[in-house]
Amino acid sequence: MLYHKAGQDQKAAEMFNQALAIHEARGAPGALGVATVSNNLGELAFAEKRYTDAETLYKRALQLRRSILGEDHPDVAVVLSNLGATYDKTKRYADAESMFRHALAIDERTLGSKSPVVAQDLETLASFCHDRGRLQESRELLQRAASIRQISPHR
């Protein structure tokens, strides 16, 4: 993502596609790499507002990560959250909320309820709720996140 952060999206896409080809050529041993690169390409597509492409790439990453890592893995939660953001941008709000809540549940189970990752998930969901006018729920989620951030050494 270094090229993307430097504003060189075309170069980033080229590098990701090269990495994808390498991992795909490895077959099953490269499947987790395919999942990671697919997620990264999804993030690039999302940043470029190519939401249909992002959704396709995230779904591929999700399917592979679930099959390799199992449903309850933080890397699965990352893709669920990314997919939720994509659904939010495409006004598929029920799907977006489902993805955000599923990611939160996985992270709470696997990382613990006081993890900084859980705080981030809560903030994401709070923002989503705020944008839908659910202000009380948003405040409650933000309060939970703030309490985690106060006790967490890693912010």
C-alpha atoms as a PDB file:
ATOM      1  CA  MET A   1       0.000   0.000   0.000  1.00  0.00           C
ATOM      2  CA  LEU A   2       3.082   2.241   0.051  1.00  0.00           C
ATOM      3  CA  TYR A   3       2.552   3.294  -3.582  1.00  0.00           C
ATOM      4  CA  HIS A   4      -1.120   3.984  -2.862  1.00  0.00           C
ATOM      5  CA  LYS A   5      -0.238   6.175   0.119  1.00  0.00           C
ATOM      6  CA  ALA A   6       2.240   8.054  -2.068  1.00  0.00           C
ATOM      7  CA  GLY A   7      -0.508   8.744  -4.605  1.00  0.00           C
ATOM      8  CA  GLN A   8       0.813   6.266  -7.137  1.00  0.00           C
ATOM      9  CA  ASP A   9      -2.305   4.128  -7.491  1.00  0.00           C
ATOM     10  CA  GLN A  10      -1.391   2.786 -10.941  1.00  0.00           C
ATOM     11  CA  LYS A  11       1.990   1.570  -9.662  1.00  0.00           C
ATOM     12  CA  ALA A  12       0.294   0.070  -6.601  1.00  0.00           C
ATOM     13  CA  ALA A  13      -2.182  -1.796  -8.809  1.00  0.00           C
ATOM     14  CA  GLU A  14       0.653  -3.138 -10.969  1.00  0.00           C
ATOM     15  CA  MET A  15       2.571  -4.383  -7.936  1.00  0.00           C
ATOM     16  CA  PHE A  16      -0.524  -5.974  -6.393  1.00  0.00           C
ATOM     17  CA  ASN A  17      -1.419  -7.693  -9.653  1.00  0.00           C
ATOM     18  CA  GLN A  18       2.127  -9.078  -9.939  1.00  0.00           C
ATOM     19  CA  ALA A  19       1.904 -10.384  -6.385  1.00  0.00           C
ATOM     20  CA  LEU A  20      -1.515 -11.851  -7.112  1.00  0.00           C
ATOM     21  CA  ALA A  21      -0.174 -13.736 -10.136  1.00  0.00           C
ATOM     22  CA  ILE A  22       2.695 -15.146  -8.067  1.00  0.00           C
ATOM     23  CA  HIS A  23       0.390 -16.347  -5.289  1.00  0.00           C
ATOM     24  CA  GLU A  24      -2.145 -17.778  -7.739  1.00  0.00           C
ATOM     25  CA  ALA A  25       0.622 -19.714  -9.509  1.00  0.00           C
ATOM     26  CA  ARG A  26       1.501 -21.385  -6.204  1.00  0.00           C
ATOM     27  CA  GLY A  27      -1.955 -22.947  -5.993  1.00  0.00           C
ATOM     28  CA  ALA A  28      -3.203 -23.974  -2.570  1.00  0.00           C
ATOM     29  CA  PRO A  29      -0.002 -22.919  -0.738  1.00  0.00           C
ATOM     30  CA  GLY A  30      -0.494 -19.409  -2.097  1.00  0.00           C
ATOM     31  CA  ALA A  31      -4.182 -19.106  -1.222  1.00  0.00           C
ATOM     32  CA  LEU A  32      -3.663 -16.979   1.879  1.00  0.00           C
ATOM     33  CA  GLY A  33      -1.462 -14.662  -0.159  1.00  0.00           C
ATOM     34  CA  VAL A  34      -4.197 -14.453  -2.784  1.00  0.00           C
ATOM     35  CA  ALA A  35      -6.620 -13.475  -0.019  1.00  0.00           C
ATOM     36  CA  THR A  36      -4.296 -10.775   1.306  1.00  0.00           C
ATOM     37  CA  VAL A  37      -3.573  -9.303  -2.119  1.00  0.00           C
ATOM     38  CA  SER A  38      -7.277  -9.445  -3.036  1.00  0.00           C
ATOM     39  CA  ASN A  39      -8.075  -7.485   0.125  1.00  0.00           C
ATOM     40  CA  ASN A  40      -5.347  -4.960  -0.709  1.00  0.00           C
ATOM     41  CA  LEU A  41      -6.625  -4.582  -4.272  1.00  0.00           C
ATOM     42  CA  GLY A  42     -10.102  -4.122  -2.793  1.00  0.00           C
ATOM     43  CA  GLU A  43      -8.798  -1.306  -0.609  1.00  0.00           C
ATOM     44  CA  LEU A  44      -7.246   0.335  -3.656  1.00  0.00           C
ATOM     45  CA  ALA A  45     -10.482  -0.024  -5.657  1.00  0.00           C
ATOM     46  CA  PHE A  46     -12.438   1.397  -2.703  1.00  0.00           C
ATOM     47  CA  ALA A  47     -10.106   4.396  -2.481  1.00  0.00           C
ATOM     48  CA  GLU A  48     -10.652   4.963  -6.197  1.00  0.00           C
ATOM     49  CA  LYS A  49     -14.439   4.750  -5.669  1.00  0.00           C
ATOM     50  CA  ARG A  50     -14.687   1.605  -7.793  1.00  0.00           C
ATOM     51  CA  TYR A  51     -17.087  -0.012  -5.337  1.00  0.00           C
ATOM     52  CA  THR A  52     -18.247  -2.888  -7.551  1.00  0.00           C
ATOM     53  CA  ASP A  53     -14.631  -3.962  -8.055  1.00  0.00           C
ATOM     54  CA  ALA A  54     -13.915  -3.515  -4.357  1.00  0.00           C
ATOM     55  CA  GLU A  55     -16.878  -5.708  -3.424  1.00  0.00           C
ATOM     56  CA  THR A  56     -15.778  -8.475  -5.791  1.00  0.00           C
ATOM     57  CA  LEU A  57     -12.223  -8.409  -4.456  1.00  0.00           C
ATOM     58  CA  TYR A  58     -13.334  -8.320  -0.812  1.00  0.00           C
ATOM     59  CA  LYS A  59     -15.694 -11.255  -1.373  1.00  0.00           C
ATOM     60  CA  ARG A  60     -12.841 -13.275  -2.856  1.00  0.00           C
ATOM     61  CA  ALA A  61     -10.602 -12.411   0.085  1.00  0.00           C
ATOM     62  CA  LEU A  62     -13.390 -13.263   2.529  1.00  0.00           C
ATOM     63  CA  GLN A  63     -14.108 -16.650   0.962  1.00  0.00           C
ATOM     64  CA  LEU A  64     -10.437 -17.603   1.007  1.00  0.00           C
ATOM     65  CA  ARG A  65      -9.759 -16.364   4.527  1.00  0.00           C
ATOM     66  CA  ARG A  66     -12.822 -18.154   5.870  1.00  0.00           C
ATOM     67  CA  SER A  67     -11.820 -21.415   4.181  1.00  0.00           C
ATOM     68  CA  ILE A  68      -8.222 -21.229   5.430  1.00  0.00           C
ATOM     69  CA  LEU A  69      -8.477 -19.479   8.791  1.00  0.00           C
ATOM     70  CA  GLY A  70     -12.030 -20.309   9.830  1.00  0.00           C
ATOM     71  CA  GLU A  71     -14.892 -17.949  10.564  1.00  0.00           C
ATOM     72  CA  ASP A  72     -13.558 -16.694  13.903  1.00  0.00           C
ATOM     73  CA  HIS A  73     -10.312 -15.028  12.915  1.00  0.00           C
ATOM     74  CA  PRO A  74      -9.385 -11.338  13.122  1.00  0.00           C
ATOM     75  CA  ASP A  75      -8.265 -11.372   9.466  1.00  0.00           C
ATOM     76  CA  VAL A  76     -11.787 -12.436   8.503  1.00  0.00           C
ATOM     77  CA  ALA A  77     -13.139  -9.530  10.561  1.00  0.00           C
ATOM     78  CA  VAL A  78     -10.912  -7.080   8.654  1.00  0.00           C
ATOM     79  CA  VAL A  79     -12.451  -8.114   5.344  1.00  0.00           C
ATOM     80  CA  LEU A  80     -15.974  -8.036   6.804  1.00  0.00           C
ATOM     81  CA  SER A  81     -15.395  -4.461   7.935  1.00  0.00           C
ATOM     82  CA  ASN A  82     -14.015  -3.502   4.518  1.00  0.00           C
ATOM     83  CA  LEU A  83     -17.012  -5.096   2.844  1.00  0.00           C
ATOM     84  CA  GLY A  84     -19.281  -3.216   5.251  1.00  0.00           C
ATOM     85  CA  ALA A  85     -17.689   0.078   4.246  1.00  0.00           C
ATOM     86  CA  THR A  86     -18.280  -0.801   0.598  1.00  0.00           C
ATOM     87  CA  TYR A  87     -21.930  -1.617   1.254  1.00  0.00           C
ATOM     88  CA  ASP A  88     -22.280   1.661   3.151  1.00  0.00           C
ATOM     89  CA  LYS A  89     -20.940   3.621   0.181  1.00  0.00           C
ATOM     90  CA  THR A  90     -23.362   1.830  -2.153  1.00  0.00           C
ATOM     91  CA  LYS A  91     -26.315   2.516   0.181  1.00  0.00           C
ATOM     92  CA  ARG A  92     -26.807  -1.117   1.129  1.00  0.00           C
ATOM     93  CA  TYR A  93     -27.182  -0.114   4.737  1.00  0.00           C
ATOM     94  CA  ALA A  94     -28.614  -3.338   6.176  1.00  0.00           C
ATOM     95  CA  ASP A  95     -25.770  -5.327   4.622  1.00  0.00           C
ATOM     96  CA  ALA A  96     -23.221  -2.788   5.844  1.00  0.00           C
ATOM     97  CA  GLU A  97     -24.485  -2.928   9.416  1.00  0.00           C
ATOM     98  CA  SER A  98     -24.507  -6.710   9.352  1.00  0.00           C
ATOM     99  CA  MET A  99     -20.864  -6.774   8.243  1.00  0.00           C
ATOM    100  CA  PHE A 100     -19.784  -4.213  10.857  1.00  0.00           C
ATOM    101  CA  ARG A 101     -21.563  -6.100  13.653  1.00  0.00           C
ATOM    102  CA  HIS A 102     -20.176  -9.443  12.493  1.00  0.00           C
ATOM    103  CA  ALA A 103     -16.622  -8.032  12.439  1.00  0.00           C
ATOM    104  CA  LEU A 104     -17.118  -6.615  15.943  1.00  0.00           C
ATOM    105  CA  ALA A 105     -18.404  -9.940  17.268  1.00  0.00           C
ATOM    106  CA  ILE A 106     -15.450 -11.849  15.809  1.00  0.00           C
ATOM    107  CA  ASP A 107     -12.927  -9.380  17.223  1.00  0.00           C
ATOM    108  CA  GLU A 108     -14.568  -9.425  20.663  1.00  0.00           C
ATOM    109  CA  ARG A 109     -14.445 -13.244  20.726  1.00  0.00           C
ATOM    110  CA  THR A 110     -10.922 -13.603  19.392  1.00  0.00           C
ATOM    111  CA  LEU A 111      -9.115 -10.526  20.701  1.00  0.00           C
ATOM    112  CA  GLY A 112     -11.094  -9.810  23.856  1.00  0.00           C
ATOM    113  CA  SER A 113     -13.554  -7.062  24.668  1.00  0.00           C
ATOM    114  CA  LYS A 114     -10.799  -4.630  25.698  1.00  0.00           C
ATOM    115  CA  SER A 115      -8.754  -4.831  22.492  1.00  0.00           C
ATOM    116  CA  PRO A 116      -7.917  -1.604  20.638  1.00  0.00           C
ATOM    117  CA  VAL A 117      -9.189  -3.357  17.502  1.00  0.00           C
ATOM    118  CA  VAL A 118     -12.569  -3.762  19.197  1.00  0.00           C
ATOM    119  CA  ALA A 119     -12.486  -0.043  20.045  1.00  0.00           C
ATOM    120  CA  GLN A 120     -11.935   0.710  16.354  1.00  0.00           C
ATOM    121  CA  ASP A 121     -14.821  -1.597  15.409  1.00  0.00           C
ATOM    122  CA  LEU A 122     -17.055   0.186  17.907  1.00  0.00           C
ATOM    123  CA  GLU A 123     -16.070   3.563  16.470  1.00  0.00           C
ATOM    124  CA  THR A 124     -16.815   2.373  12.951  1.00  0.00           C
ATOM    125  CA  LEU A 125     -20.234   1.118  13.997  1.00  0.00           C
ATOM    126  CA  ALA A 126     -20.864   4.328  15.963  1.00  0.00           C
ATOM    127  CA  SER A 127     -20.134   6.414  12.885  1.00  0.00           C
ATOM    128  CA  PHE A 128     -22.454   4.235  10.824  1.00  0.00           C
ATOM    129  CA  CYS A 129     -25.249   4.615  13.405  1.00  0.00           C
ATOM    130  CA  HIS A 130     -24.680   8.370  13.645  1.00  0.00           C
ATOM    131  CA  ASP A 131     -25.019   8.709   9.878  1.00  0.00           C
ATOM    132  CA  ARG A 132     -28.372   6.878  10.080  1.00  0.00           C
ATOM    133  CA  GLY A 133     -29.628   9.252  12.779  1.00  0.00           C
ATOM    134  CA  ARG A 134     -29.338   6.690  15.572  1.00  0.00           C
ATOM    135  CA  LEU A 135     -27.587   9.122  17.874  1.00  0.00           C
ATOM    136  CA  GLN A 136     -28.187   7.440  21.215  1.00  0.00           C
ATOM    137  CA  GLU A 137     -26.808   4.135  19.939  1.00  0.00           C
ATOM    138  CA  SER A 138     -23.862   5.976  18.425  1.00  0.00           C
ATOM    139  CA  ARG A 139     -23.079   7.663  21.753  1.00  0.00           C
ATOM    140  CA  GLU A 140     -23.242   4.365  23.619  1.00  0.00           C
ATOM    141  CA  LEU A 141     -20.869   2.706  21.156  1.00  0.00           C
ATOM    142  CA  LEU A 142     -18.461   5.642  21.385  1.00  0.00           C
ATOM    143  CA  GLN A 143     -18.552   5.470  25.180  1.00  0.00           C
ATOM    144  CA  ARG A 144     -17.623   1.789  25.037  1.00  0.00           C
ATOM    145  CA  ALA A 145     -14.783   2.572  22.626  1.00  0.00           C
ATOM    146  CA  ALA A 146     -13.520   5.412  24.819  1.00  0.00           C
ATOM    147  CA  SER A 147     -13.442   3.178  27.882  1.00  0.00           C
ATOM    148  CA  ILE A 148     -11.332   0.659  25.974  1.00  0.00           C
ATOM    149  CA  ARG A 149      -8.966   3.349  24.698  1.00  0.00           C
ATOM    150  CA  GLN A 150      -8.452   4.637  28.274  1.00  0.00           C
ATOM    151  CA  ILE A 151      -7.190   1.261  29.490  1.00  0.00           C
ATOM    152  CA  SER A 152      -5.385   0.165  26.345  1.00  0.00           C
ATOM    153  CA  PRO A 153      -1.634   0.840  26.169  1.00  0.00           C
ATOM    154  CA  HIS A 154      -1.732   0.654  22.332  1.00  0.00           C
ATOM    155  CA  ARG A 155      -3.762   3.438  20.756  1.00  0.00           C
END
